[in-house]
Amino acid sequence: MKKVIKKRTFKRSDDVPDYINPEKKSWKKHDPEEENFEEVNDSNETKLTRLNKFISNAGVTARRKADELIFTGRVTVNMQTVTEPGTKVNPEKDVIKVDGEKIKPQSEFIYVVLFKPRGYVTTTHDEKGRPTVMDLIGLNTRLYPIGRLDYDTDGVLLLTNDGEFSNMMMHPRHKVFKTYFAKLDKPMEENDVKKLREGIMLDGRPTSRAKVRIIPNSGEQNIWISIHEGRNRQVRRMLESIGYMVQRLKRVEYARIGLDGLKPGEWRYLSPEELLEAKKLATPKQVVIRKPKPEIPEAPEEVKQVKKGKKGGKKKKKKEKMLKKMMKTQPQNSDSGSDVLESISKELENISEQISDNKEE
């Protein structure tokens, strides 16, 4: 019968392992595979990503549109239809398809700013056959716009194939502001400026606070307005709700990215500095809460007097104790003390006699 050896036999003296547990003295050879077992598992977990995020990062569409694709059953993972956007997938192993077409992660990200002219639709495809912003960009890479601009609105439009960056720019929690120039049909009053700054009710819920400034020397009909939300036709509807009609609307800035050097219909790549600045604006800031120093109420006068009395009493007691100690330490002579008392008593008798003599005279 063949003997099965479970433990390793050591052939060389330098191959003898150290104790794993010195107290119990359990012999066991160091196994690097066993040491890295947890690390391998962790790395596998880090490869997993949410399905909607993967579709967005693959350049198919934005995160919200990816949710719609998943909800409507147009996405499959390993030949199975998935309807939960939060499903975790492994991009290196799983086969993800949208409408039967396999998608792969993006290897290179592109960031573009376009001066969108009026008369163009902000979408990749229009069912009515109207011209789209994609007709103005002649790149082979598939891009999608970050947010939207109305058909009659021109100005800054960002496009990218980086879904994560798109989500950072559009999600309200990141508070990335977009600034618009608006020409109104009548002068704006200060009271209405306050309303915009406090928030306007739209669709049964208030908008976030807008930044508003009236452009000087324009008859108070031209304003700058900045918002960080992305509701449908939000700026026009906010102004219409307080009684103003917008005659002209132009987006002049998005995440501090402007139209410098661009004409309507032209585009350019974002510079590294612009991209870095935009990401910084989208990074959540730490809220520093400074607690006010607690005010210590002053004690009433009666309490102060009591405290002072107590302190004075303590001092007196200390002095008495010190005197007693000094008296104990000093050498006392009974004879000298009695002599002093006698001399004092004699002086008092003499003084009393003098006083009585004066009264008789």
Protein backbone atom coordinates (compact mmCIF):
# COMPACT_ATOMS: atom_id res chain seq x y z
CA MET A 1 0.00 0.00 0.00
CA LYS A 2 1.35 3.36 -1.06
CA LYS A 3 1.84 5.81 1.73
CA VAL A 4 0.36 9.30 1.18
CA ILE A 5 2.49 12.07 2.57
CA LYS A 6 0.39 15.08 3.38
CA LYS A 7 3.10 17.28 4.82
CA ARG A 8 6.10 18.49 2.92
CA THR A 9 9.45 16.83 3.60
CA PHE A 10 12.40 19.17 3.97
CA LYS A 11 15.57 18.14 2.18
CA ARG A 12 17.80 21.06 3.09
CA SER A 13 18.50 22.51 6.47
CA ASP A 14 17.87 26.05 5.22
CA ASP A 15 14.44 24.96 4.00
CA VAL A 16 13.11 24.48 7.51
CA PRO A 17 10.22 26.90 8.14
CA ASP A 18 9.83 29.24 11.05
CA TYR A 19 7.16 28.86 13.66
CA ILE A 20 3.84 30.28 12.55
CA ASN A 21 2.70 30.52 16.15
CA PRO A 22 5.70 30.66 18.52
CA GLU A 23 3.56 29.91 21.58
CA LYS A 24 1.97 26.75 20.17
CA LYS A 25 5.06 25.97 18.05
CA SER A 26 3.00 24.84 15.07
CA TRP A 27 5.24 23.88 12.15
CA LYS A 28 4.04 25.13 8.80
CA LYS A 29 5.89 26.23 5.69
CA HIS A 30 5.22 29.81 4.54
CA ASP A 31 2.91 29.65 1.50
CA PRO A 32 2.92 32.84 -0.62
CA GLU A 33 -0.24 31.75 -2.44
CA GLU A 34 -2.07 31.45 0.86
CA GLU A 35 -0.82 34.90 1.93
CA ASN A 36 -2.11 36.55 -1.24
CA PHE A 37 -5.42 34.73 -1.22
CA GLU A 38 -7.34 37.66 0.32
CA GLU A 39 -5.60 40.16 -1.91
CA VAL A 40 -6.66 38.24 -5.02
CA ASN A 41 -10.24 38.21 -3.82
CA ASP A 42 -10.11 41.93 -3.13
CA SER A 43 -8.77 42.64 -6.61
CA ASN A 44 -11.59 40.61 -8.13
CA GLU A 45 -14.10 42.60 -6.16
CA THR A 46 -12.59 45.89 -7.29
CA LYS A 47 -13.05 44.79 -10.93
CA LEU A 48 -16.78 44.61 -10.41
CA THR A 49 -18.75 47.68 -11.39
CA ARG A 50 -22.36 48.72 -11.66
CA LEU A 51 -24.00 47.89 -14.97
CA ASN A 52 -25.28 51.42 -15.62
CA LYS A 53 -21.86 52.87 -14.87
CA PHE A 54 -20.17 50.41 -17.23
CA ILE A 55 -22.56 51.28 -20.08
CA SER A 56 -21.99 54.98 -19.46
CA ASN A 57 -18.19 54.63 -19.34
CA ALA A 58 -18.29 52.60 -22.54
CA GLY A 59 -19.52 55.69 -24.36
CA VAL A 60 -22.96 54.34 -25.22
CA THR A 61 -24.96 57.01 -23.41
CA ALA A 62 -25.17 58.99 -20.21
CA ARG A 63 -25.84 57.33 -16.84
CA ARG A 64 -29.54 58.25 -16.72
CA LYS A 65 -30.15 57.02 -20.25
CA ALA A 66 -28.32 53.82 -19.36
CA ASP A 67 -30.86 53.28 -16.57
CA GLU A 68 -33.67 53.60 -19.11
CA LEU A 69 -32.00 51.07 -21.41
CA ILE A 70 -31.74 48.59 -18.55
CA PHE A 71 -35.29 49.13 -17.27
CA THR A 72 -36.75 48.52 -20.73
CA GLY A 73 -34.92 45.20 -21.10
CA ARG A 74 -32.54 46.25 -23.86
CA VAL A 75 -29.42 45.13 -21.98
CA THR A 76 -28.17 41.55 -21.59
CA VAL A 77 -25.35 40.15 -19.46
CA ASN A 78 -24.02 36.76 -20.57
CA MET A 79 -27.11 36.23 -22.77
CA GLN A 80 -29.52 37.01 -19.92
CA THR A 81 -31.71 40.13 -19.79
CA VAL A 82 -31.01 42.33 -16.78
CA THR A 83 -33.41 45.03 -15.57
CA GLU A 84 -31.60 46.22 -12.42
CA PRO A 85 -29.15 49.13 -13.02
CA GLY A 86 -27.19 48.29 -9.86
CA THR A 87 -26.28 44.78 -11.05
CA LYS A 88 -22.52 44.19 -10.61
CA VAL A 89 -20.60 43.02 -13.68
CA ASN A 90 -16.98 42.18 -14.43
CA PRO A 91 -15.97 44.05 -17.60
CA GLU A 92 -13.09 41.63 -18.26
CA LYS A 93 -15.18 38.45 -18.12
CA ASP A 94 -18.86 39.28 -18.64
CA VAL A 95 -20.36 39.85 -22.09
CA ILE A 96 -22.60 42.93 -22.01
CA LYS A 97 -24.80 43.79 -24.99
CA VAL A 98 -27.13 46.69 -25.73
CA ASP A 99 -29.76 45.96 -28.37
CA GLY A 100 -27.76 42.86 -29.30
CA GLU A 101 -24.51 44.78 -29.87
CA LYS A 102 -21.55 43.97 -27.65
CA ILE A 103 -20.01 46.93 -25.88
CA LYS A 104 -16.48 47.33 -24.58
CA PRO A 105 -14.86 49.72 -22.10
CA GLN A 106 -13.39 52.90 -23.50
CA SER A 107 -9.63 52.94 -23.85
CA GLU A 108 -9.35 56.69 -24.57
CA PHE A 109 -11.52 59.54 -23.32
CA ILE A 110 -12.30 62.63 -25.38
CA TYR A 111 -13.60 65.97 -24.06
CA VAL A 112 -14.99 68.58 -26.43
CA VAL A 113 -16.56 72.04 -26.07
CA LEU A 114 -18.87 73.11 -28.90
CA PHE A 115 -20.37 76.51 -29.68
CA LYS A 116 -23.85 75.21 -30.37
CA PRO A 117 -25.75 77.46 -32.76
CA ARG A 118 -29.49 77.95 -32.72
CA GLY A 119 -31.50 75.61 -34.91
CA TYR A 120 -29.72 72.39 -33.77
CA VAL A 121 -31.02 69.62 -31.53
CA THR A 122 -28.89 68.44 -28.60
CA THR A 123 -29.07 64.71 -29.26
CA THR A 124 -27.25 62.01 -31.19
CA HIS A 125 -30.28 61.28 -33.40
CA ASP A 126 -33.52 63.13 -34.08
CA GLU A 127 -36.68 61.34 -35.18
CA LYS A 128 -37.99 64.46 -36.95
CA GLY A 129 -34.90 64.70 -39.11
CA ARG A 130 -33.68 68.01 -37.67
CA PRO A 131 -29.95 68.72 -37.65
CA THR A 132 -28.16 67.54 -34.48
CA VAL A 133 -25.04 68.74 -32.74
CA MET A 134 -23.31 65.53 -33.84
CA ASP A 135 -23.45 66.81 -37.43
CA LEU A 136 -21.04 69.59 -36.41
CA ILE A 137 -18.35 67.24 -35.02
CA GLY A 138 -16.58 65.03 -37.52
CA LEU A 139 -14.98 62.49 -35.19
CA ASN A 140 -15.11 58.73 -35.60
CA THR A 141 -15.42 58.30 -31.83
CA ARG A 142 -18.95 58.17 -30.52
CA LEU A 143 -19.63 61.15 -28.23
CA TYR A 144 -22.73 62.21 -26.37
CA PRO A 145 -23.64 65.66 -25.02
CA ILE A 146 -23.42 66.59 -21.36
CA GLY A 147 -26.87 67.97 -20.66
CA ARG A 148 -29.03 69.68 -23.24
CA LEU A 149 -29.62 73.03 -24.87
CA ASP A 150 -32.97 73.98 -26.40
CA TYR A 151 -33.46 74.19 -30.14
CA ASP A 152 -33.54 78.02 -29.92
CA THR A 153 -30.72 78.31 -27.36
CA ASP A 154 -27.07 78.64 -28.32
CA GLY A 155 -23.81 78.62 -26.42
CA VAL A 156 -21.48 76.27 -24.54
CA LEU A 157 -22.12 72.54 -24.97
CA LEU A 158 -19.76 69.88 -23.61
CA LEU A 159 -19.49 66.46 -25.26
CA THR A 160 -17.53 63.39 -24.16
CA ASN A 161 -17.35 59.61 -24.15
CA ASP A 162 -16.44 59.57 -20.44
CA GLY A 163 -19.60 58.60 -18.62
CA GLU A 164 -18.16 59.24 -15.17
CA PHE A 165 -17.15 62.79 -16.10
CA SER A 166 -20.58 63.37 -17.65
CA ASN A 167 -22.28 62.27 -14.45
CA MET A 168 -20.05 64.55 -12.38
CA MET A 169 -21.02 67.53 -14.52
CA MET A 170 -24.77 66.86 -14.62
CA HIS A 171 -25.72 65.46 -11.22
CA PRO A 172 -27.22 68.18 -8.98
CA ARG A 173 -25.36 66.98 -5.88
CA HIS A 174 -22.04 68.09 -7.43
CA LYS A 175 -23.39 71.66 -7.83
CA VAL A 176 -21.56 72.49 -11.06
CA PHE A 177 -22.96 75.83 -12.21
CA LYS A 178 -23.97 76.84 -15.74
CA THR A 179 -24.24 80.54 -16.55
CA TYR A 180 -26.71 81.99 -19.05
CA PHE A 181 -27.25 85.37 -20.67
CA ALA A 182 -30.97 86.16 -20.86
CA LYS A 183 -32.64 89.07 -22.65
CA LEU A 184 -36.09 89.75 -21.20
CA ASP A 185 -39.18 91.47 -22.58
CA LYS A 186 -39.20 94.02 -19.73
CA PRO A 187 -36.96 95.29 -16.94
CA MET A 188 -36.55 92.98 -13.97
CA GLU A 189 -37.49 94.20 -10.54
CA GLU A 190 -35.37 93.64 -7.43
CA ASN A 191 -38.18 91.74 -5.76
CA ASP A 192 -38.14 89.19 -8.61
CA VAL A 193 -34.36 88.88 -8.33
CA LYS A 194 -34.83 87.84 -4.70
CA LYS A 195 -37.40 85.23 -5.74
CA LEU A 196 -34.95 83.65 -8.16
CA ARG A 197 -32.23 83.66 -5.54
CA GLU A 198 -34.51 81.91 -3.05
CA GLY A 199 -35.92 79.35 -5.52
CA ILE A 200 -38.99 79.09 -7.77
CA MET A 201 -41.68 76.41 -7.58
CA LEU A 202 -41.59 74.22 -10.70
CA ASP A 203 -43.53 70.95 -11.06
CA GLY A 204 -44.55 71.09 -7.42
CA ARG A 205 -41.05 71.41 -5.98
CA PRO A 206 -38.70 74.38 -5.52
CA THR A 207 -35.63 74.93 -7.62
CA SER A 208 -32.25 75.42 -6.04
CA ARG A 209 -31.09 78.93 -5.38
CA ALA A 210 -29.94 80.70 -8.53
CA LYS A 211 -27.22 83.29 -8.86
CA VAL A 212 -28.70 86.36 -10.58
CA ARG A 213 -27.18 89.69 -11.58
CA ILE A 214 -28.71 92.47 -13.66
CA ILE A 215 -26.33 93.67 -16.39
CA PRO A 216 -25.71 97.41 -15.91
CA ASN A 217 -26.53 99.92 -18.66
CA SER A 218 -28.99 97.53 -20.30
CA GLY A 219 -32.25 98.98 -19.08
CA GLU A 220 -32.45 96.11 -16.55
CA GLN A 221 -33.71 93.82 -19.31
CA ASN A 222 -30.50 91.75 -19.60
CA ILE A 223 -29.39 89.46 -16.78
CA TRP A 224 -26.83 86.81 -15.92
CA ILE A 225 -28.34 83.73 -14.26
CA SER A 226 -26.46 80.65 -13.00
CA ILE A 227 -28.02 77.32 -11.98
CA HIS A 228 -26.64 73.86 -11.18
CA GLU A 229 -29.77 71.84 -11.94
CA GLY A 230 -30.77 70.43 -15.32
CA ARG A 231 -34.55 70.38 -15.53
CA ASN A 232 -36.26 70.65 -18.90
CA ARG A 233 -36.15 74.28 -20.16
CA GLN A 234 -35.48 75.33 -16.59
CA VAL A 235 -34.22 78.90 -17.08
CA ARG A 236 -37.06 79.86 -19.43
CA ARG A 237 -39.68 78.32 -17.14
CA MET A 238 -38.25 79.99 -14.03
CA LEU A 239 -38.44 83.40 -15.66
CA GLU A 240 -41.88 82.76 -17.16
CA SER A 241 -43.24 81.74 -13.75
CA ILE A 242 -42.56 85.24 -12.37
CA GLY A 243 -43.90 87.04 -15.44
CA TYR A 244 -40.96 87.46 -17.84
CA MET A 245 -40.68 86.25 -21.43
CA VAL A 246 -37.19 85.30 -22.66
CA GLN A 247 -36.37 86.86 -26.03
CA ARG A 248 -32.82 85.51 -26.21
CA LEU A 249 -31.02 82.83 -24.17
CA LYS A 250 -27.36 81.89 -24.48
CA ARG A 251 -25.21 79.68 -22.27
CA VAL A 252 -21.93 81.47 -21.83
CA GLU A 253 -20.17 79.16 -19.37
CA TYR A 254 -20.29 75.59 -18.06
CA ALA A 255 -18.03 74.63 -15.15
CA ARG A 256 -16.02 77.81 -15.93
CA ILE A 257 -15.46 76.61 -19.50
CA GLY A 258 -16.31 79.37 -21.98
CA LEU A 259 -16.45 80.05 -25.71
CA ASP A 260 -13.07 81.77 -26.08
CA GLY A 261 -11.99 81.77 -29.73
CA LEU A 262 -15.02 79.84 -31.00
CA LYS A 263 -17.65 80.88 -33.53
CA PRO A 264 -21.12 79.30 -33.81
CA GLY A 265 -20.74 75.72 -35.05
CA GLU A 266 -17.03 75.43 -34.11
CA TRP A 267 -15.54 73.14 -31.46
CA ARG A 268 -12.24 72.39 -29.73
CA TYR A 269 -10.76 69.92 -27.26
CA LEU A 270 -10.70 70.83 -23.61
CA SER A 271 -7.28 71.74 -22.27
CA PRO A 272 -5.85 69.71 -19.35
CA GLU A 273 -6.23 72.77 -17.12
CA GLU A 274 -9.92 73.16 -18.01
CA LEU A 275 -10.57 69.47 -17.40
CA LEU A 276 -8.79 69.53 -14.04
CA GLU A 277 -10.65 72.67 -12.95
CA ALA A 278 -14.02 71.15 -13.92
CA LYS A 279 -13.31 68.01 -11.91
CA LYS A 280 -12.28 70.09 -8.91
CA LEU A 281 -15.58 71.97 -9.07
CA ALA A 282 -17.46 68.66 -9.04
CA THR A 283 -15.52 67.24 -6.10
CA PRO A 284 -17.59 67.43 -2.89
CA LYS A 285 -16.22 69.91 -0.38
CA GLN A 286 -15.82 69.04 3.28
CA VAL A 287 -18.28 70.92 5.43
CA VAL A 288 -16.51 72.52 8.38
CA ILE A 289 -18.89 73.13 11.26
CA ARG A 290 -17.53 75.56 13.79
CA LYS A 291 -19.34 75.35 17.09
CA PRO A 292 -19.67 78.66 18.95
CA LYS A 293 -17.92 78.86 22.27
CA PRO A 294 -20.40 78.31 25.11
CA GLU A 295 -21.11 81.47 27.06
CA ILE A 296 -20.48 81.01 30.78
CA PRO A 297 -23.12 82.95 32.73
CA GLU A 298 -21.84 85.27 35.43
CA ALA A 299 -22.58 84.24 39.00
CA PRO A 300 -24.94 86.49 40.99
CA GLU A 301 -23.41 88.90 43.49
CA GLU A 302 -24.67 86.94 46.50
CA VAL A 303 -22.83 83.85 45.32
CA LYS A 304 -19.69 85.89 44.69
CA GLN A 305 -19.81 87.30 48.20
CA VAL A 306 -20.27 83.86 49.69
CA LYS A 307 -17.32 82.59 47.71
CA LYS A 308 -15.18 85.49 48.83
CA GLY A 309 -16.13 84.86 52.45
CA LYS A 310 -15.17 81.25 52.16
CA LYS A 311 -11.83 82.13 50.61
CA GLY A 312 -11.17 84.69 53.39
CA GLY A 313 -12.08 82.14 56.06
CA LYS A 314 -9.66 79.66 54.62
CA LYS A 315 -6.88 82.22 54.63
CA LYS A 316 -7.53 83.07 58.28
CA LYS A 317 -7.46 79.44 59.27
CA LYS A 318 -4.18 78.99 57.42
CA LYS A 319 -2.67 81.97 59.27
CA GLU A 320 -3.84 80.65 62.63
CA LYS A 321 -2.30 77.27 61.89
CA MET A 322 0.96 78.94 60.91
CA LEU A 323 1.01 80.99 64.12
CA LYS A 324 0.36 77.91 66.20
CA LYS A 325 3.22 76.12 64.50
CA MET A 326 5.50 79.08 65.11
CA MET A 327 4.50 79.22 68.76
CA LYS A 328 5.21 75.55 69.15
CA THR A 329 8.59 75.83 67.48
CA GLN A 330 9.65 78.93 69.50
CA PRO A 331 11.22 78.17 72.97
CA GLN A 332 8.99 79.42 75.77
CA ASN A 333 10.36 80.63 79.21
CA SER A 334 7.77 80.72 82.00
CA ASP A 335 9.84 83.06 84.19
CA SER A 336 10.33 85.71 81.51
CA GLY A 337 6.66 85.57 80.65
CA SER A 338 5.55 86.10 84.29
CA ASP A 339 7.93 89.11 84.66
CA VAL A 340 6.46 90.79 81.62
CA LEU A 341 2.92 90.34 82.94
CA GLU A 342 3.85 91.83 86.31
CA SER A 343 5.45 94.90 84.72
CA ILE A 344 2.40 95.49 82.54
CA SER A 345 0.01 95.20 85.52
CA LYS A 346 2.11 97.72 87.50
CA GLU A 347 2.01 100.23 84.63
CA LEU A 348 -1.75 99.91 84.42
CA GLU A 349 -2.08 100.55 88.19
CA ASN A 350 0.08 103.69 87.93
CA ILE A 351 -2.02 105.03 85.07
CA SER A 352 -5.25 104.41 86.97
CA GLU A 353 -3.86 106.23 90.08
CA GLN A 354 -2.89 109.26 87.98
CA ILE A 355 -6.34 109.45 86.52
CA SER A 356 -7.98 109.32 90.00
CA ASP A 357 -5.67 112.10 91.32
CA ASN A 358 -6.59 114.40 88.45
CA LYS A 359 -10.30 113.92 89.11
CA GLU A 360 -9.90 114.90 92.85
CA GLU A 361 -8.06 118.12 91.97
